[in-house]
Amino acid sequence: MSTRITSLPGDVQHQITQMGTLLRDCLGDDSAVVLHGSLALGEFRPGQSDVDVLVFVDGPLTRVQAQGLATGLLAVSGQPAPIEVSVLERRAFAAWVHPAPYLFHYSEAWRTRMTQMLADPATEWLAERTDPDLTVHVVVARQAGIVLHGSVDWPVPSQADALAAVWYDIATAEADVADNPVYVILNLCRTLWWREHGVVLSKSAGGAALLPSLSGDTRAVVAAVLAARATGQAVMVEPVRLRAVAGELLARIAGAA
């Protein structure tokens, strides 16, 4: 088992084992289960981070499978960590499509909706949906994903699709940064590092890697944000300075080769 899993608290390790068993039981031995996100990038934070999962299957789901996934994930998610799962059909990705289609999705944001869907016999479980974030998830999983079960012939999103997916997440950074400076600033830092170096890092690692190339107030603000991330304290930086740094990082990301 990956050291990135064995280094987690015991209750999270147990939850991941339960989740893996649930997914395999519902979707069969031919499925592939891959952890991505903060856990794969080495920055999982108990009490804060989600367990992010991609699942690849060979065919469309049945109603029984979708209902089994919903029931099981409602029970396992949040015990202790929130779980976010997307189920993708392998043959849909012979050539990557953005935004990418998925067969099933669960996150804690869907808990109420999923509970209502299970209670309604008329629920349409099998309609195809799309999610622009999946392109970024696949980029991260291809580089650093932890395969819990099965094997993956990884699809390869184009750089244009990957940038479009990233931009979907960061486009409102200047408006959002005052409310969530740690997430926004460090997410911009790791995005710029990816654009300039082709490597996806965790938020903290991205900020630390980029810091030496920064100067002036931008460097000071990123250093303050990194310190706040490490200590859990509030970021004591004025909103106007945060917006200026977010704008500068966005401009560099847009202009990066």
C-alpha atoms as a PDB file:
ATOM      1  CA  MET A   1       0.000   0.000   0.000  1.00  0.00           C
ATOM      2  CA  SER A   2       1.210   3.504  -0.803  1.00  0.00           C
ATOM      3  CA  THR A   3       2.979   5.344   2.011  1.00  0.00           C
ATOM      4  CA  ARG A   4       0.684   8.260   1.247  1.00  0.00           C
ATOM      5  CA  ILE A   5      -2.119   6.053   2.587  1.00  0.00           C
ATOM      6  CA  THR A   6      -0.272   4.333   5.434  1.00  0.00           C
ATOM      7  CA  SER A   7       0.804   7.743   6.780  1.00  0.00           C
ATOM      8  CA  LEU A   8      -2.850   8.768   7.196  1.00  0.00           C
ATOM      9  CA  PRO A   9      -4.737   8.487  10.494  1.00  0.00           C
ATOM     10  CA  GLY A  10      -6.075   4.984  11.077  1.00  0.00           C
ATOM     11  CA  ASP A  11      -9.717   5.981  10.741  1.00  0.00           C
ATOM     12  CA  VAL A  12      -9.074   7.504   7.306  1.00  0.00           C
ATOM     13  CA  GLN A  13      -7.156   4.398   6.199  1.00  0.00           C
ATOM     14  CA  HIS A  14     -10.095   2.254   7.310  1.00  0.00           C
ATOM     15  CA  GLN A  15     -12.519   4.508   5.459  1.00  0.00           C
ATOM     16  CA  ILE A  16     -10.488   4.220   2.247  1.00  0.00           C
ATOM     17  CA  THR A  17     -10.506   0.423   2.569  1.00  0.00           C
ATOM     18  CA  GLN A  18     -14.292   0.436   3.085  1.00  0.00           C
ATOM     19  CA  MET A  19     -14.778   2.730   0.125  1.00  0.00           C
ATOM     20  CA  GLY A  20     -12.553   0.616  -2.128  1.00  0.00           C
ATOM     21  CA  THR A  21     -14.489  -2.521  -1.194  1.00  0.00           C
ATOM     22  CA  LEU A  22     -17.811  -0.772  -1.844  1.00  0.00           C
ATOM     23  CA  LEU A  23     -16.725   0.441  -5.287  1.00  0.00           C
ATOM     24  CA  ARG A  24     -15.342  -2.943  -6.288  1.00  0.00           C
ATOM     25  CA  ASP A  25     -18.437  -4.792  -5.041  1.00  0.00           C
ATOM     26  CA  CYS A  26     -20.782  -2.420  -6.891  1.00  0.00           C
ATOM     27  CA  LEU A  27     -18.808  -2.062 -10.114  1.00  0.00           C
ATOM     28  CA  GLY A  28     -16.991  -5.372 -10.460  1.00  0.00           C
ATOM     29  CA  ASP A  29     -13.429  -6.626 -10.711  1.00  0.00           C
ATOM     30  CA  ASP A  30     -12.889  -4.942 -14.082  1.00  0.00           C
ATOM     31  CA  SER A  31     -13.266  -1.482 -12.576  1.00  0.00           C
ATOM     32  CA  ALA A  32     -10.260   0.664 -11.666  1.00  0.00           C
ATOM     33  CA  VAL A  33     -10.234   2.876  -8.569  1.00  0.00           C
ATOM     34  CA  VAL A  34      -7.740   5.762  -8.375  1.00  0.00           C
ATOM     35  CA  LEU A  35      -7.172   8.313  -5.600  1.00  0.00           C
ATOM     36  CA  HIS A  36      -6.225  11.809  -6.765  1.00  0.00           C
ATOM     37  CA  GLY A  37      -6.360  15.334  -5.317  1.00  0.00           C
ATOM     38  CA  SER A  38      -4.627  16.380  -2.094  1.00  0.00           C
ATOM     39  CA  LEU A  39      -4.109  12.819  -0.894  1.00  0.00           C
ATOM     40  CA  ALA A  40      -2.240  11.816  -4.054  1.00  0.00           C
ATOM     41  CA  LEU A  41      -0.214  15.050  -3.977  1.00  0.00           C
ATOM     42  CA  GLY A  42       0.868  14.485  -0.374  1.00  0.00           C
ATOM     43  CA  GLU A  43      -1.106  17.276   1.294  1.00  0.00           C
ATOM     44  CA  PHE A  44      -4.131  15.531   2.777  1.00  0.00           C
ATOM     45  CA  ARG A  45      -5.259  17.392   5.901  1.00  0.00           C
ATOM     46  CA  PRO A  46      -7.497  15.465   8.314  1.00  0.00           C
ATOM     47  CA  GLY A  47     -10.599  17.467   9.113  1.00  0.00           C
ATOM     48  CA  GLN A  48     -10.196  19.605   5.982  1.00  0.00           C
ATOM     49  CA  SER A  49      -9.436  17.499   2.896  1.00  0.00           C
ATOM     50  CA  ASP A  50     -11.687  15.274   0.811  1.00  0.00           C
ATOM     51  CA  VAL A  51     -10.839  11.770  -0.357  1.00  0.00           C
ATOM     52  CA  ASP A  52     -10.977  12.335  -4.129  1.00  0.00           C
ATOM     53  CA  VAL A  53     -11.607   9.312  -6.353  1.00  0.00           C
ATOM     54  CA  LEU A  54     -11.891   8.491 -10.049  1.00  0.00           C
ATOM     55  CA  VAL A  55     -13.389   5.153 -11.066  1.00  0.00           C
ATOM     56  CA  PHE A  56     -13.106   3.725 -14.590  1.00  0.00           C
ATOM     57  CA  VAL A  57     -15.548   1.069 -15.817  1.00  0.00           C
ATOM     58  CA  ASP A  58     -16.040  -0.791 -19.092  1.00  0.00           C
ATOM     59  CA  GLY A  59     -19.730  -0.185 -19.639  1.00  0.00           C
ATOM     60  CA  PRO A  60     -22.671   1.933 -18.602  1.00  0.00           C
ATOM     61  CA  LEU A  61     -24.035   1.486 -15.102  1.00  0.00           C
ATOM     62  CA  THR A  62     -27.264  -0.250 -14.266  1.00  0.00           C
ATOM     63  CA  ARG A  63     -29.874   1.344 -12.050  1.00  0.00           C
ATOM     64  CA  VAL A  64     -29.064  -1.214  -9.340  1.00  0.00           C
ATOM     65  CA  GLN A  65     -25.367  -0.288  -9.463  1.00  0.00           C
ATOM     66  CA  ALA A  66     -26.099   3.445  -9.223  1.00  0.00           C
ATOM     67  CA  GLN A  67     -28.451   2.929  -6.300  1.00  0.00           C
ATOM     68  CA  GLY A  68     -25.887   0.712  -4.566  1.00  0.00           C
ATOM     69  CA  LEU A  69     -23.197   3.342  -5.006  1.00  0.00           C
ATOM     70  CA  ALA A  70     -25.454   6.087  -3.673  1.00  0.00           C
ATOM     71  CA  THR A  71     -26.503   4.064  -0.633  1.00  0.00           C
ATOM     72  CA  GLY A  72     -22.975   2.966   0.176  1.00  0.00           C
ATOM     73  CA  LEU A  73     -21.347   6.355  -0.281  1.00  0.00           C
ATOM     74  CA  LEU A  74     -23.961   8.071   1.883  1.00  0.00           C
ATOM     75  CA  ALA A  75     -22.904   5.685   4.651  1.00  0.00           C
ATOM     76  CA  VAL A  76     -19.121   5.878   4.155  1.00  0.00           C
ATOM     77  CA  SER A  77     -18.591   9.541   3.230  1.00  0.00           C
ATOM     78  CA  GLY A  78     -17.881  11.762   6.207  1.00  0.00           C
ATOM     79  CA  GLN A  79     -16.699   8.839   8.326  1.00  0.00           C
ATOM     80  CA  PRO A  80     -14.445  10.728   8.926  1.00  0.00           C
ATOM     81  CA  ALA A  81     -13.474  12.430   5.629  1.00  0.00           C
ATOM     82  CA  PRO A  82     -15.796  13.693   2.889  1.00  0.00           C
ATOM     83  CA  ILE A  83     -15.580  11.551  -0.247  1.00  0.00           C
ATOM     84  CA  GLU A  84     -15.883  12.801  -3.817  1.00  0.00           C
ATOM     85  CA  VAL A  85     -16.269  10.124  -6.499  1.00  0.00           C
ATOM     86  CA  SER A  86     -16.733  10.303 -10.263  1.00  0.00           C
ATOM     87  CA  VAL A  87     -17.354   7.170 -12.329  1.00  0.00           C
ATOM     88  CA  LEU A  88     -16.176   7.341 -15.953  1.00  0.00           C
ATOM     89  CA  GLU A  89     -16.678   4.936 -18.844  1.00  0.00           C
ATOM     90  CA  ARG A  90     -13.362   3.877 -20.375  1.00  0.00           C
ATOM     91  CA  ARG A  91     -14.507   3.780 -23.993  1.00  0.00           C
ATOM     92  CA  ALA A  92     -15.726   7.376 -23.769  1.00  0.00           C
ATOM     93  CA  PHE A  93     -12.101   8.515 -23.567  1.00  0.00           C
ATOM     94  CA  ALA A  94     -10.414   7.003 -26.593  1.00  0.00           C
ATOM     95  CA  ALA A  95     -10.114  10.693 -27.427  1.00  0.00           C
ATOM     96  CA  TRP A  96     -10.567  13.091 -24.512  1.00  0.00           C
ATOM     97  CA  VAL A  97     -13.643  15.305 -24.585  1.00  0.00           C
ATOM     98  CA  HIS A  98     -13.931  18.510 -22.564  1.00  0.00           C
ATOM     99  CA  PRO A  99     -16.077  18.970 -20.598  1.00  0.00           C
ATOM    100  CA  ALA A 100     -15.898  15.248 -19.918  1.00  0.00           C
ATOM    101  CA  PRO A 101     -18.940  12.997 -19.479  1.00  0.00           C
ATOM    102  CA  TYR A 102     -19.428  10.900 -16.367  1.00  0.00           C
ATOM    103  CA  LEU A 103     -21.800   8.104 -15.363  1.00  0.00           C
ATOM    104  CA  PHE A 104     -22.146   8.812 -11.635  1.00  0.00           C
ATOM    105  CA  HIS A 105     -20.972  11.440  -9.179  1.00  0.00           C
ATOM    106  CA  TYR A 106     -21.083  11.782  -5.420  1.00  0.00           C
ATOM    107  CA  SER A 107     -19.782  14.432  -3.038  1.00  0.00           C
ATOM    108  CA  GLU A 108     -21.034  15.821   0.254  1.00  0.00           C
ATOM    109  CA  ALA A 109     -22.586  18.691  -1.703  1.00  0.00           C
ATOM    110  CA  TRP A 110     -24.831  16.019  -3.239  1.00  0.00           C
ATOM    111  CA  ARG A 111     -25.842  14.348   0.055  1.00  0.00           C
ATOM    112  CA  THR A 112     -29.334  15.852   0.301  1.00  0.00           C
ATOM    113  CA  ARG A 113     -29.956  15.471  -3.416  1.00  0.00           C
ATOM    114  CA  MET A 114     -28.736  11.857  -3.409  1.00  0.00           C
ATOM    115  CA  THR A 115     -30.941  10.995  -0.447  1.00  0.00           C
ATOM    116  CA  GLN A 116     -33.931  12.454  -2.281  1.00  0.00           C
ATOM    117  CA  MET A 117     -33.032  10.539  -5.447  1.00  0.00           C
ATOM    118  CA  LEU A 118     -32.968   7.252  -3.552  1.00  0.00           C
ATOM    119  CA  ALA A 119     -36.410   8.000  -2.121  1.00  0.00           C
ATOM    120  CA  ASP A 120     -37.951   8.788  -5.521  1.00  0.00           C
ATOM    121  CA  PRO A 121     -38.784   5.751  -7.722  1.00  0.00           C
ATOM    122  CA  ALA A 122     -38.856   8.028 -10.782  1.00  0.00           C
ATOM    123  CA  THR A 123     -35.204   9.104 -10.389  1.00  0.00           C
ATOM    124  CA  GLU A 124     -33.279   8.998 -13.658  1.00  0.00           C
ATOM    125  CA  TRP A 125     -29.946   7.518 -12.594  1.00  0.00           C
ATOM    126  CA  LEU A 126     -28.490   6.812 -16.011  1.00  0.00           C
ATOM    127  CA  ALA A 127     -28.576  10.172 -17.803  1.00  0.00           C
ATOM    128  CA  GLU A 128     -25.159  11.279 -19.086  1.00  0.00           C
ATOM    129  CA  ARG A 129     -23.790  14.451 -17.526  1.00  0.00           C
ATOM    130  CA  THR A 130     -20.569  16.432 -17.952  1.00  0.00           C
ATOM    131  CA  ASP A 131     -18.133  18.057 -15.545  1.00  0.00           C
ATOM    132  CA  PRO A 132     -15.369  20.483 -16.624  1.00  0.00           C
ATOM    133  CA  ASP A 133     -13.352  19.670 -13.482  1.00  0.00           C
ATOM    134  CA  LEU A 134     -12.769  16.095 -14.668  1.00  0.00           C
ATOM    135  CA  THR A 135     -10.064  17.231 -17.071  1.00  0.00           C
ATOM    136  CA  VAL A 136      -8.006  18.622 -14.183  1.00  0.00           C
ATOM    137  CA  HIS A 137      -8.681  15.521 -12.075  1.00  0.00           C
ATOM    138  CA  VAL A 138      -7.338  13.289 -14.837  1.00  0.00           C
ATOM    139  CA  VAL A 139      -4.226  15.451 -15.291  1.00  0.00           C
ATOM    140  CA  VAL A 140      -3.475  15.103 -11.557  1.00  0.00           C
ATOM    141  CA  ALA A 141      -4.327  11.395 -11.459  1.00  0.00           C
ATOM    142  CA  ARG A 142      -2.131  10.585 -14.471  1.00  0.00           C
ATOM    143  CA  GLN A 143       0.837  12.211 -12.722  1.00  0.00           C
ATOM    144  CA  ALA A 144       0.352  11.246  -9.075  1.00  0.00           C
ATOM    145  CA  GLY A 145      -2.751   9.056  -8.690  1.00  0.00           C
ATOM    146  CA  ILE A 146      -2.779   6.111  -6.289  1.00  0.00           C
ATOM    147  CA  VAL A 147      -4.375   3.053  -7.899  1.00  0.00           C
ATOM    148  CA  LEU A 148      -6.331   1.139  -5.263  1.00  0.00           C
ATOM    149  CA  HIS A 149      -7.632  -1.484  -7.661  1.00  0.00           C
ATOM    150  CA  GLY A 150      -7.472  -2.380 -11.341  1.00  0.00           C
ATOM    151  CA  SER A 151      -5.514  -0.773 -14.159  1.00  0.00           C
ATOM    152  CA  VAL A 152      -5.996   2.371 -16.213  1.00  0.00           C
ATOM    153  CA  ASP A 153      -5.075   3.128 -19.806  1.00  0.00           C
ATOM    154  CA  TRP A 154      -4.910   6.827 -19.106  1.00  0.00           C
ATOM    155  CA  PRO A 155      -6.676   9.265 -21.398  1.00  0.00           C
ATOM    156  CA  VAL A 156      -4.563  12.291 -22.291  1.00  0.00           C
ATOM    157  CA  PRO A 157      -6.326  15.671 -22.212  1.00  0.00           C
ATOM    158  CA  SER A 158      -4.827  18.265 -24.524  1.00  0.00           C
ATOM    159  CA  GLN A 159      -3.029  21.260 -23.047  1.00  0.00           C
ATOM    160  CA  ALA A 160      -5.820  23.474 -24.379  1.00  0.00           C
ATOM    161  CA  ASP A 161      -8.491  21.411 -22.623  1.00  0.00           C
ATOM    162  CA  ALA A 162      -6.446  21.272 -19.425  1.00  0.00           C
ATOM    163  CA  LEU A 163      -6.008  25.044 -19.417  1.00  0.00           C
ATOM    164  CA  ALA A 164      -9.704  25.571 -20.122  1.00  0.00           C
ATOM    165  CA  ALA A 165     -10.563  23.359 -17.152  1.00  0.00           C
ATOM    166  CA  VAL A 166      -8.110  25.170 -14.892  1.00  0.00           C
ATOM    167  CA  TRP A 167      -9.394  28.560 -16.029  1.00  0.00           C
ATOM    168  CA  TYR A 168     -12.930  27.473 -15.158  1.00  0.00           C
ATOM    169  CA  ASP A 169     -11.713  27.131 -11.555  1.00  0.00           C
ATOM    170  CA  ILE A 170      -9.557  30.252 -11.281  1.00  0.00           C
ATOM    171  CA  ALA A 171     -11.349  32.822 -13.460  1.00  0.00           C
ATOM    172  CA  THR A 172     -12.995  34.528 -10.464  1.00  0.00           C
ATOM    173  CA  ALA A 173      -9.856  34.521  -8.297  1.00  0.00           C
ATOM    174  CA  GLU A 174      -9.682  38.296  -7.910  1.00  0.00           C
ATOM    175  CA  ALA A 175     -13.281  38.418  -6.661  1.00  0.00           C
ATOM    176  CA  ASP A 176     -12.877  35.360  -4.417  1.00  0.00           C
ATOM    177  CA  VAL A 177      -9.466  35.924  -2.866  1.00  0.00           C
ATOM    178  CA  ALA A 178     -10.517  38.116   0.061  1.00  0.00           C
ATOM    179  CA  ASP A 179     -12.936  35.445   1.292  1.00  0.00           C
ATOM    180  CA  ASN A 180     -10.536  32.499   0.902  1.00  0.00           C
ATOM    181  CA  PRO A 181      -6.993  33.820   0.475  1.00  0.00           C
ATOM    182  CA  VAL A 182      -5.111  30.621   1.310  1.00  0.00           C
ATOM    183  CA  TYR A 183      -6.945  28.480  -1.222  1.00  0.00           C
ATOM    184  CA  VAL A 184      -7.062  31.099  -3.968  1.00  0.00           C
ATOM    185  CA  ILE A 185      -3.466  32.366  -3.786  1.00  0.00           C
ATOM    186  CA  LEU A 186      -1.850  28.939  -3.418  1.00  0.00           C
ATOM    187  CA  ASN A 187      -4.070  27.462  -6.114  1.00  0.00           C
ATOM    188  CA  LEU A 188      -2.900  30.225  -8.460  1.00  0.00           C
ATOM    189  CA  CYS A 189       0.726  29.536  -7.480  1.00  0.00           C
ATOM    190  CA  ARG A 190       0.524  25.839  -8.262  1.00  0.00           C
ATOM    191  CA  THR A 191      -1.360  26.579 -11.497  1.00  0.00           C
ATOM    192  CA  LEU A 192       1.410  28.936 -12.618  1.00  0.00           C
ATOM    193  CA  TRP A 193       4.025  26.328 -11.697  1.00  0.00           C
ATOM    194  CA  TRP A 194       2.162  23.740 -13.779  1.00  0.00           C
ATOM    195  CA  ARG A 195       1.934  26.142 -16.722  1.00  0.00           C
ATOM    196  CA  GLU A 196       5.646  26.972 -16.570  1.00  0.00           C
ATOM    197  CA  HIS A 197       7.053  23.550 -15.639  1.00  0.00           C
ATOM    198  CA  GLY A 198       4.409  20.978 -16.629  1.00  0.00           C
ATOM    199  CA  VAL A 199       4.252  19.461 -13.125  1.00  0.00           C
ATOM    200  CA  VAL A 200       1.248  19.506 -10.789  1.00  0.00           C
ATOM    201  CA  LEU A 201       2.094  20.194  -7.139  1.00  0.00           C
ATOM    202  CA  SER A 202      -0.001  20.495  -4.019  1.00  0.00           C
ATOM    203  CA  LYS A 203      -1.086  23.996  -3.058  1.00  0.00           C
ATOM    204  CA  SER A 204       1.596  24.424  -0.379  1.00  0.00           C
ATOM    205  CA  ALA A 205       4.315  22.880  -2.540  1.00  0.00           C
ATOM    206  CA  GLY A 206       3.296  25.070  -5.472  1.00  0.00           C
ATOM    207  CA  GLY A 207       3.512  28.213  -3.374  1.00  0.00           C
ATOM    208  CA  ALA A 208       6.878  27.224  -1.921  1.00  0.00           C
ATOM    209  CA  ALA A 209       8.293  26.300  -5.337  1.00  0.00           C
ATOM    210  CA  LEU A 210       7.170  29.568  -6.921  1.00  0.00           C
ATOM    211  CA  LEU A 211       8.231  31.835  -4.032  1.00  0.00           C
ATOM    212  CA  PRO A 212      11.897  32.296  -5.045  1.00  0.00           C
ATOM    213  CA  SER A 213      10.855  33.615  -8.467  1.00  0.00           C
ATOM    214  CA  LEU A 214       8.576  36.272  -6.960  1.00  0.00           C
ATOM    215  CA  SER A 215       9.534  39.732  -5.795  1.00  0.00           C
ATOM    216  CA  GLY A 216       8.207  42.730  -3.917  1.00  0.00           C
ATOM    217  CA  ASP A 217       4.741  42.656  -2.439  1.00  0.00           C
ATOM    218  CA  THR A 218       3.776  39.546  -4.404  1.00  0.00           C
ATOM    219  CA  ARG A 219       6.502  37.587  -2.666  1.00  0.00           C
ATOM    220  CA  ALA A 220       5.532  39.024   0.713  1.00  0.00           C
ATOM    221  CA  VAL A 221       1.858  38.125   0.252  1.00  0.00           C
ATOM    222  CA  VAL A 222       2.576  34.567  -0.922  1.00  0.00           C
ATOM    223  CA  ALA A 223       4.960  34.088   2.028  1.00  0.00           C
ATOM    224  CA  ALA A 224       2.244  35.306   4.417  1.00  0.00           C
ATOM    225  CA  VAL A 225      -0.278  32.934   2.877  1.00  0.00           C
ATOM    226  CA  LEU A 226       2.136  29.989   3.126  1.00  0.00           C
ATOM    227  CA  ALA A 227       2.739  30.808   6.800  1.00  0.00           C
ATOM    228  CA  ALA A 228      -0.993  30.947   7.445  1.00  0.00           C
ATOM    229  CA  ARG A 229      -1.435  27.590   5.685  1.00  0.00           C
ATOM    230  CA  ALA A 230       1.259  26.021   7.866  1.00  0.00           C
ATOM    231  CA  THR A 231      -0.033  27.411  11.166  1.00  0.00           C
ATOM    232  CA  GLY A 232      -3.773  27.460  10.560  1.00  0.00           C
ATOM    233  CA  GLN A 233      -3.913  31.145  11.439  1.00  0.00           C
ATOM    234  CA  ALA A 234      -5.763  33.847   9.529  1.00  0.00           C
ATOM    235  CA  VAL A 235      -4.079  35.681   6.669  1.00  0.00           C
ATOM    236  CA  MET A 236      -3.390  39.215   7.872  1.00  0.00           C
ATOM    237  CA  VAL A 237      -3.179  40.891   4.464  1.00  0.00           C
ATOM    238  CA  GLU A 238      -5.420  43.681   3.216  1.00  0.00           C
ATOM    239  CA  PRO A 239      -7.977  42.684   0.525  1.00  0.00           C
ATOM    240  CA  VAL A 240      -6.583  45.228  -1.950  1.00  0.00           C
ATOM    241  CA  ARG A 241      -3.142  43.583  -1.762  1.00  0.00           C
ATOM    242  CA  LEU A 242      -4.650  40.104  -2.110  1.00  0.00           C
ATOM    243  CA  ARG A 243      -6.573  41.176  -5.214  1.00  0.00           C
ATOM    244  CA  ALA A 244      -3.471  42.739  -6.733  1.00  0.00           C
ATOM    245  CA  VAL A 245      -1.451  39.554  -6.255  1.00  0.00           C
ATOM    246  CA  ALA A 246      -4.269  37.386  -7.588  1.00  0.00           C
ATOM    247  CA  GLY A 247      -4.474  39.614 -10.658  1.00  0.00           C
ATOM    248  CA  GLU A 248      -0.724  39.432 -11.238  1.00  0.00           C
ATOM    249  CA  LEU A 249      -0.675  35.625 -10.947  1.00  0.00           C
ATOM    250  CA  LEU A 250      -3.680  35.308 -13.278  1.00  0.00           C
ATOM    251  CA  ALA A 251      -1.922  37.458 -15.861  1.00  0.00           C
ATOM    252  CA  ARG A 252       1.195  35.309 -15.657  1.00  0.00           C
ATOM    253  CA  ILE A 253      -0.847  32.131 -16.023  1.00  0.00           C
ATOM    254  CA  ALA A 254      -2.648  33.549 -19.063  1.00  0.00           C
ATOM    255  CA  GLY A 255       0.644  34.547 -20.654  1.00  0.00           C
ATOM    256  CA  ALA A 256       2.637  31.413 -19.837  1.00  0.00           C
ATOM    257  CA  ALA A 257       3.856  29.344 -22.748  1.00  0.00           C
END
